[in-house]
Amino acid sequence: MKGCSDWAAQWYDQQESDGSFTQHVRDNASYCLAAYSDHDVYVEKCTANNPWQRFYEKYDNSRGIWRLQHVATGWYVTVYNNGYSIGVDPFNEPDNKQYFR
């Protein structure tokens, strides 16, 4: 998926009953961020109880930053190409491409 310059301006999160979040498109709440085991991230129609469209928000207190962990795969949203695209990958602790402010 192609990245955007200001994540917060494009998305809002909605907490679900299981503690995970769906990331909705700000201008059209019927669409959500989704990811699959092919490492790609998509925007698609939101569907109820879809683990492919849910993320856990993990806060790192020591660094003051967030990570988004995909519920279905356990992987994390990762920024590629200097912010021009995103996907999901296994956690890579020293990789700052998996953190957001």
N, C-alpha and C. Protein backbone atom coordinates (compact mmCIF):
# COMPACT_ATOMS: atom_id res chain seq x y z
N MET A 1 0.84 -1.17 0.00
CA MET A 1 0.00 0.00 0.00
C MET A 1 0.88 1.23 0.00
N LYS A 2 0.49 2.20 -0.75
CA LYS A 2 1.23 3.44 -0.79
C LYS A 2 1.05 4.20 0.51
N GLY A 3 2.11 4.73 1.06
CA GLY A 3 2.07 5.45 2.32
C GLY A 3 1.49 6.84 2.16
N CYS A 4 1.38 7.54 3.28
CA CYS A 4 0.90 8.92 3.24
C CYS A 4 1.77 9.74 4.17
N SER A 5 1.77 11.04 3.97
CA SER A 5 2.68 11.89 4.71
C SER A 5 2.24 12.09 6.16
N ASP A 6 0.97 11.95 6.46
CA ASP A 6 0.49 12.19 7.82
C ASP A 6 -0.53 11.12 8.18
N TRP A 7 -0.05 10.06 8.85
CA TRP A 7 -0.90 8.92 9.20
C TRP A 7 -2.17 9.38 9.93
N ALA A 8 -2.03 10.23 10.92
CA ALA A 8 -3.17 10.64 11.74
C ALA A 8 -4.21 11.41 10.94
N ALA A 9 -3.79 12.10 9.90
CA ALA A 9 -4.73 12.87 9.10
C ALA A 9 -5.57 11.97 8.20
N GLN A 10 -5.12 10.75 7.95
CA GLN A 10 -5.79 9.87 7.01
C GLN A 10 -6.62 8.77 7.68
N TRP A 11 -6.39 8.49 8.95
CA TRP A 11 -6.99 7.33 9.62
C TRP A 11 -7.52 7.71 10.98
N TYR A 12 -8.50 6.98 11.44
CA TYR A 12 -8.86 7.03 12.85
C TYR A 12 -9.11 5.61 13.32
N ASP A 13 -8.84 5.35 14.58
CA ASP A 13 -8.99 4.00 15.09
C ASP A 13 -10.25 3.87 15.92
N GLN A 14 -10.80 2.66 15.89
CA GLN A 14 -12.00 2.34 16.65
C GLN A 14 -11.71 1.07 17.45
N GLN A 15 -11.85 1.16 18.76
CA GLN A 15 -11.58 -0.01 19.59
C GLN A 15 -12.74 -0.99 19.48
N GLU A 16 -12.40 -2.26 19.33
CA GLU A 16 -13.37 -3.34 19.21
C GLU A 16 -13.52 -4.04 20.56
N SER A 17 -14.53 -4.88 20.69
CA SER A 17 -14.85 -5.51 21.97
C SER A 17 -13.74 -6.43 22.48
N ASP A 18 -12.87 -6.92 21.58
CA ASP A 18 -11.77 -7.81 22.01
C ASP A 18 -10.50 -7.05 22.39
N GLY A 19 -10.57 -5.72 22.37
CA GLY A 19 -9.41 -4.91 22.72
C GLY A 19 -8.55 -4.51 21.53
N SER A 20 -8.81 -5.09 20.36
CA SER A 20 -8.08 -4.70 19.16
C SER A 20 -8.73 -3.45 18.56
N PHE A 21 -8.11 -2.92 17.51
CA PHE A 21 -8.61 -1.72 16.86
C PHE A 21 -8.76 -1.96 15.36
N THR A 22 -9.76 -1.31 14.78
CA THR A 22 -9.84 -1.21 13.33
C THR A 22 -9.38 0.19 12.97
N GLN A 23 -8.64 0.29 11.88
CA GLN A 23 -8.12 1.57 11.40
C GLN A 23 -9.00 1.99 10.22
N HIS A 24 -9.85 2.98 10.44
CA HIS A 24 -10.81 3.43 9.43
C HIS A 24 -10.25 4.58 8.61
N VAL A 25 -10.62 4.62 7.35
CA VAL A 25 -10.29 5.75 6.50
C VAL A 25 -11.08 6.95 7.00
N ARG A 26 -10.41 8.03 7.29
CA ARG A 26 -11.07 9.19 7.88
C ARG A 26 -12.22 9.72 7.02
N ASP A 27 -12.05 9.77 5.72
CA ASP A 27 -13.08 10.34 4.85
C ASP A 27 -14.19 9.37 4.48
N ASN A 28 -14.03 8.08 4.80
CA ASN A 28 -15.06 7.09 4.50
C ASN A 28 -14.92 5.94 5.50
N ALA A 29 -15.65 6.04 6.60
CA ALA A 29 -15.51 5.10 7.71
C ALA A 29 -15.93 3.68 7.37
N SER A 30 -16.53 3.46 6.22
CA SER A 30 -16.93 2.10 5.84
C SER A 30 -15.74 1.31 5.28
N TYR A 31 -14.57 1.96 5.14
CA TYR A 31 -13.36 1.29 4.66
C TYR A 31 -12.32 1.22 5.77
N CYS A 32 -11.62 0.08 5.83
CA CYS A 32 -10.64 -0.16 6.88
C CYS A 32 -9.32 -0.64 6.29
N LEU A 33 -8.27 -0.48 7.08
CA LEU A 33 -6.97 -1.04 6.76
C LEU A 33 -7.05 -2.55 6.98
N ALA A 34 -6.50 -3.32 6.07
CA ALA A 34 -6.47 -4.78 6.19
C ALA A 34 -5.10 -5.26 5.75
N ALA A 35 -4.68 -6.39 6.28
CA ALA A 35 -3.41 -6.99 5.88
C ALA A 35 -3.60 -8.50 5.81
N TYR A 36 -2.78 -9.12 4.99
CA TYR A 36 -2.86 -10.57 4.81
C TYR A 36 -1.46 -11.17 4.90
N SER A 37 -1.38 -12.48 4.85
CA SER A 37 -0.09 -13.15 5.03
C SER A 37 0.84 -12.98 3.83
N ASP A 38 0.44 -12.21 2.81
CA ASP A 38 1.33 -11.90 1.69
C ASP A 38 2.18 -10.66 1.98
N HIS A 39 2.09 -10.14 3.21
CA HIS A 39 2.83 -8.96 3.69
C HIS A 39 2.28 -7.64 3.18
N ASP A 40 1.28 -7.66 2.31
CA ASP A 40 0.72 -6.43 1.78
C ASP A 40 -0.37 -5.88 2.69
N VAL A 41 -0.61 -4.58 2.58
CA VAL A 41 -1.66 -3.90 3.32
C VAL A 41 -2.63 -3.33 2.30
N TYR A 42 -3.91 -3.40 2.63
CA TYR A 42 -4.96 -2.98 1.70
C TYR A 42 -5.96 -2.08 2.42
N VAL A 43 -6.77 -1.38 1.64
CA VAL A 43 -7.94 -0.70 2.16
C VAL A 43 -9.13 -1.40 1.52
N GLU A 44 -10.06 -1.87 2.38
CA GLU A 44 -11.22 -2.60 1.88
C GLU A 44 -12.42 -2.33 2.76
N LYS A 45 -13.60 -2.72 2.28
CA LYS A 45 -14.83 -2.54 3.05
C LYS A 45 -14.68 -3.21 4.41
N CYS A 46 -15.04 -2.51 5.46
CA CYS A 46 -14.98 -3.07 6.80
C CYS A 46 -16.05 -4.15 6.95
N THR A 47 -15.65 -5.25 7.58
CA THR A 47 -16.59 -6.32 7.88
C THR A 47 -16.47 -6.68 9.35
N ALA A 48 -17.57 -7.05 9.96
CA ALA A 48 -17.60 -7.34 11.39
C ALA A 48 -16.74 -8.55 11.73
N ASN A 49 -16.04 -8.44 12.85
CA ASN A 49 -15.24 -9.55 13.40
C ASN A 49 -14.25 -10.14 12.41
N ASN A 50 -13.62 -9.32 11.62
CA ASN A 50 -12.65 -9.78 10.64
C ASN A 50 -11.24 -9.60 11.20
N PRO A 51 -10.54 -10.69 11.59
CA PRO A 51 -9.21 -10.54 12.18
C PRO A 51 -8.19 -9.96 11.21
N TRP A 52 -8.44 -10.03 9.92
CA TRP A 52 -7.52 -9.48 8.92
C TRP A 52 -7.58 -7.95 8.90
N GLN A 53 -8.61 -7.37 9.51
CA GLN A 53 -8.78 -5.92 9.56
C GLN A 53 -8.54 -5.35 10.96
N ARG A 54 -7.96 -6.13 11.84
CA ARG A 54 -7.78 -5.67 13.22
C ARG A 54 -6.30 -5.62 13.61
N PHE A 55 -6.01 -4.67 14.48
CA PHE A 55 -4.65 -4.43 14.94
C PHE A 55 -4.66 -4.17 16.43
N TYR A 56 -3.59 -4.60 17.11
CA TYR A 56 -3.36 -4.22 18.50
C TYR A 56 -2.44 -3.02 18.48
N GLU A 57 -2.73 -2.06 19.32
CA GLU A 57 -1.87 -0.90 19.46
C GLU A 57 -0.93 -1.16 20.63
N LYS A 58 0.36 -1.24 20.33
CA LYS A 58 1.39 -1.55 21.33
C LYS A 58 2.19 -0.28 21.60
N TYR A 59 2.15 0.20 22.83
CA TYR A 59 2.87 1.42 23.18
C TYR A 59 4.17 1.07 23.88
N ASP A 60 5.25 1.66 23.43
CA ASP A 60 6.57 1.48 24.03
C ASP A 60 6.84 2.69 24.92
N ASN A 61 6.63 2.54 26.23
CA ASN A 61 6.79 3.64 27.18
C ASN A 61 8.19 4.24 27.16
N SER A 62 9.20 3.40 27.03
CA SER A 62 10.57 3.88 27.10
C SER A 62 10.93 4.77 25.91
N ARG A 63 10.27 4.57 24.79
CA ARG A 63 10.59 5.36 23.59
C ARG A 63 9.48 6.36 23.22
N GLY A 64 8.32 6.22 23.84
CA GLY A 64 7.21 7.12 23.55
C GLY A 64 6.67 6.94 22.14
N ILE A 65 6.65 5.71 21.67
CA ILE A 65 6.18 5.45 20.30
C ILE A 65 5.25 4.23 20.27
N TRP A 66 4.52 4.11 19.18
CA TRP A 66 3.53 3.04 18.99
C TRP A 66 3.96 2.07 17.91
N ARG A 67 3.45 0.85 18.04
CA ARG A 67 3.53 -0.16 16.98
C ARG A 67 2.12 -0.68 16.76
N LEU A 68 1.79 -1.04 15.54
CA LEU A 68 0.51 -1.67 15.23
C LEU A 68 0.75 -3.12 14.89
N GLN A 69 0.23 -4.02 15.73
CA GLN A 69 0.40 -5.45 15.51
C GLN A 69 -0.87 -6.02 14.87
N HIS A 70 -0.71 -6.66 13.74
CA HIS A 70 -1.82 -7.26 13.02
C HIS A 70 -2.34 -8.47 13.78
N VAL A 71 -3.63 -8.53 14.02
CA VAL A 71 -4.21 -9.60 14.83
C VAL A 71 -4.04 -10.97 14.18
N ALA A 72 -4.35 -11.09 12.90
CA ALA A 72 -4.36 -12.41 12.24
C ALA A 72 -2.97 -13.02 12.08
N THR A 73 -1.95 -12.20 11.79
CA THR A 73 -0.61 -12.75 11.55
C THR A 73 0.35 -12.54 12.72
N GLY A 74 0.07 -11.56 13.58
CA GLY A 74 1.00 -11.22 14.65
C GLY A 74 2.12 -10.31 14.18
N TRP A 75 2.13 -9.96 12.89
CA TRP A 75 3.17 -9.09 12.33
C TRP A 75 2.84 -7.63 12.60
N TYR A 76 3.80 -6.75 12.29
CA TYR A 76 3.66 -5.33 12.58
C TYR A 76 3.65 -4.50 11.30
N VAL A 77 2.85 -3.42 11.34
CA VAL A 77 2.86 -2.49 10.21
C VAL A 77 4.26 -1.94 10.08
N THR A 78 4.78 -1.96 8.85
CA THR A 78 6.16 -1.58 8.55
C THR A 78 6.16 -0.57 7.41
N VAL A 79 6.96 0.47 7.56
CA VAL A 79 7.09 1.49 6.52
C VAL A 79 8.26 1.12 5.61
N TYR A 80 8.04 1.19 4.31
CA TYR A 80 9.08 0.90 3.31
C TYR A 80 9.34 2.15 2.47
N ASN A 81 10.46 2.15 1.77
CA ASN A 81 10.78 3.19 0.78
C ASN A 81 10.63 4.60 1.32
N ASN A 82 11.20 4.83 2.50
CA ASN A 82 11.17 6.16 3.12
C ASN A 82 9.75 6.70 3.29
N GLY A 83 8.80 5.81 3.60
CA GLY A 83 7.43 6.24 3.87
C GLY A 83 6.51 6.20 2.67
N TYR A 84 6.99 5.74 1.54
CA TYR A 84 6.15 5.73 0.34
C TYR A 84 5.26 4.50 0.24
N SER A 85 5.49 3.49 1.06
CA SER A 85 4.61 2.32 1.07
C SER A 85 4.68 1.66 2.44
N ILE A 86 3.66 0.84 2.74
CA ILE A 86 3.63 0.12 4.01
C ILE A 86 3.22 -1.33 3.75
N GLY A 87 3.54 -2.19 4.71
CA GLY A 87 3.16 -3.59 4.67
C GLY A 87 3.16 -4.11 6.09
N VAL A 88 3.16 -5.43 6.26
CA VAL A 88 3.30 -6.04 7.58
C VAL A 88 4.43 -7.06 7.54
N ASP A 89 5.22 -7.07 8.60
CA ASP A 89 6.36 -7.97 8.71
C ASP A 89 6.50 -8.44 10.15
N PRO A 90 7.22 -9.55 10.37
CA PRO A 90 7.53 -9.96 11.74
C PRO A 90 8.26 -8.84 12.47
N PHE A 91 8.14 -8.81 13.79
CA PHE A 91 8.76 -7.76 14.59
C PHE A 91 10.27 -7.78 14.42
N ASN A 92 10.84 -6.59 14.27
CA ASN A 92 12.28 -6.42 14.13
C ASN A 92 12.68 -5.30 15.08
N GLU A 93 13.08 -5.65 16.29
CA GLU A 93 13.33 -4.68 17.36
C GLU A 93 14.18 -3.48 16.95
N PRO A 94 15.31 -3.65 16.32
CA PRO A 94 16.10 -2.44 16.01
C PRO A 94 15.56 -1.65 14.80
N ASP A 95 14.53 -2.16 14.15
CA ASP A 95 14.02 -1.52 12.93
C ASP A 95 13.00 -0.43 13.28
N ASN A 96 13.40 0.83 13.18
CA ASN A 96 12.51 1.94 13.48
C ASN A 96 11.39 2.09 12.46
N LYS A 97 11.37 1.27 11.44
CA LYS A 97 10.34 1.36 10.41
C LYS A 97 9.01 0.75 10.90
N GLN A 98 8.99 0.22 12.11
CA GLN A 98 7.78 -0.36 12.66
C GLN A 98 7.20 0.47 13.81
N TYR A 99 7.65 1.68 13.97
CA TYR A 99 7.19 2.56 15.04
C TYR A 99 6.55 3.80 14.47
N PHE A 100 5.56 4.31 15.23
CA PHE A 100 4.84 5.52 14.83
C PHE A 100 4.70 6.42 16.04
N ARG A 101 4.61 7.69 15.79
CA ARG A 101 4.44 8.67 16.88
C ARG A 101 3.01 9.15 16.91
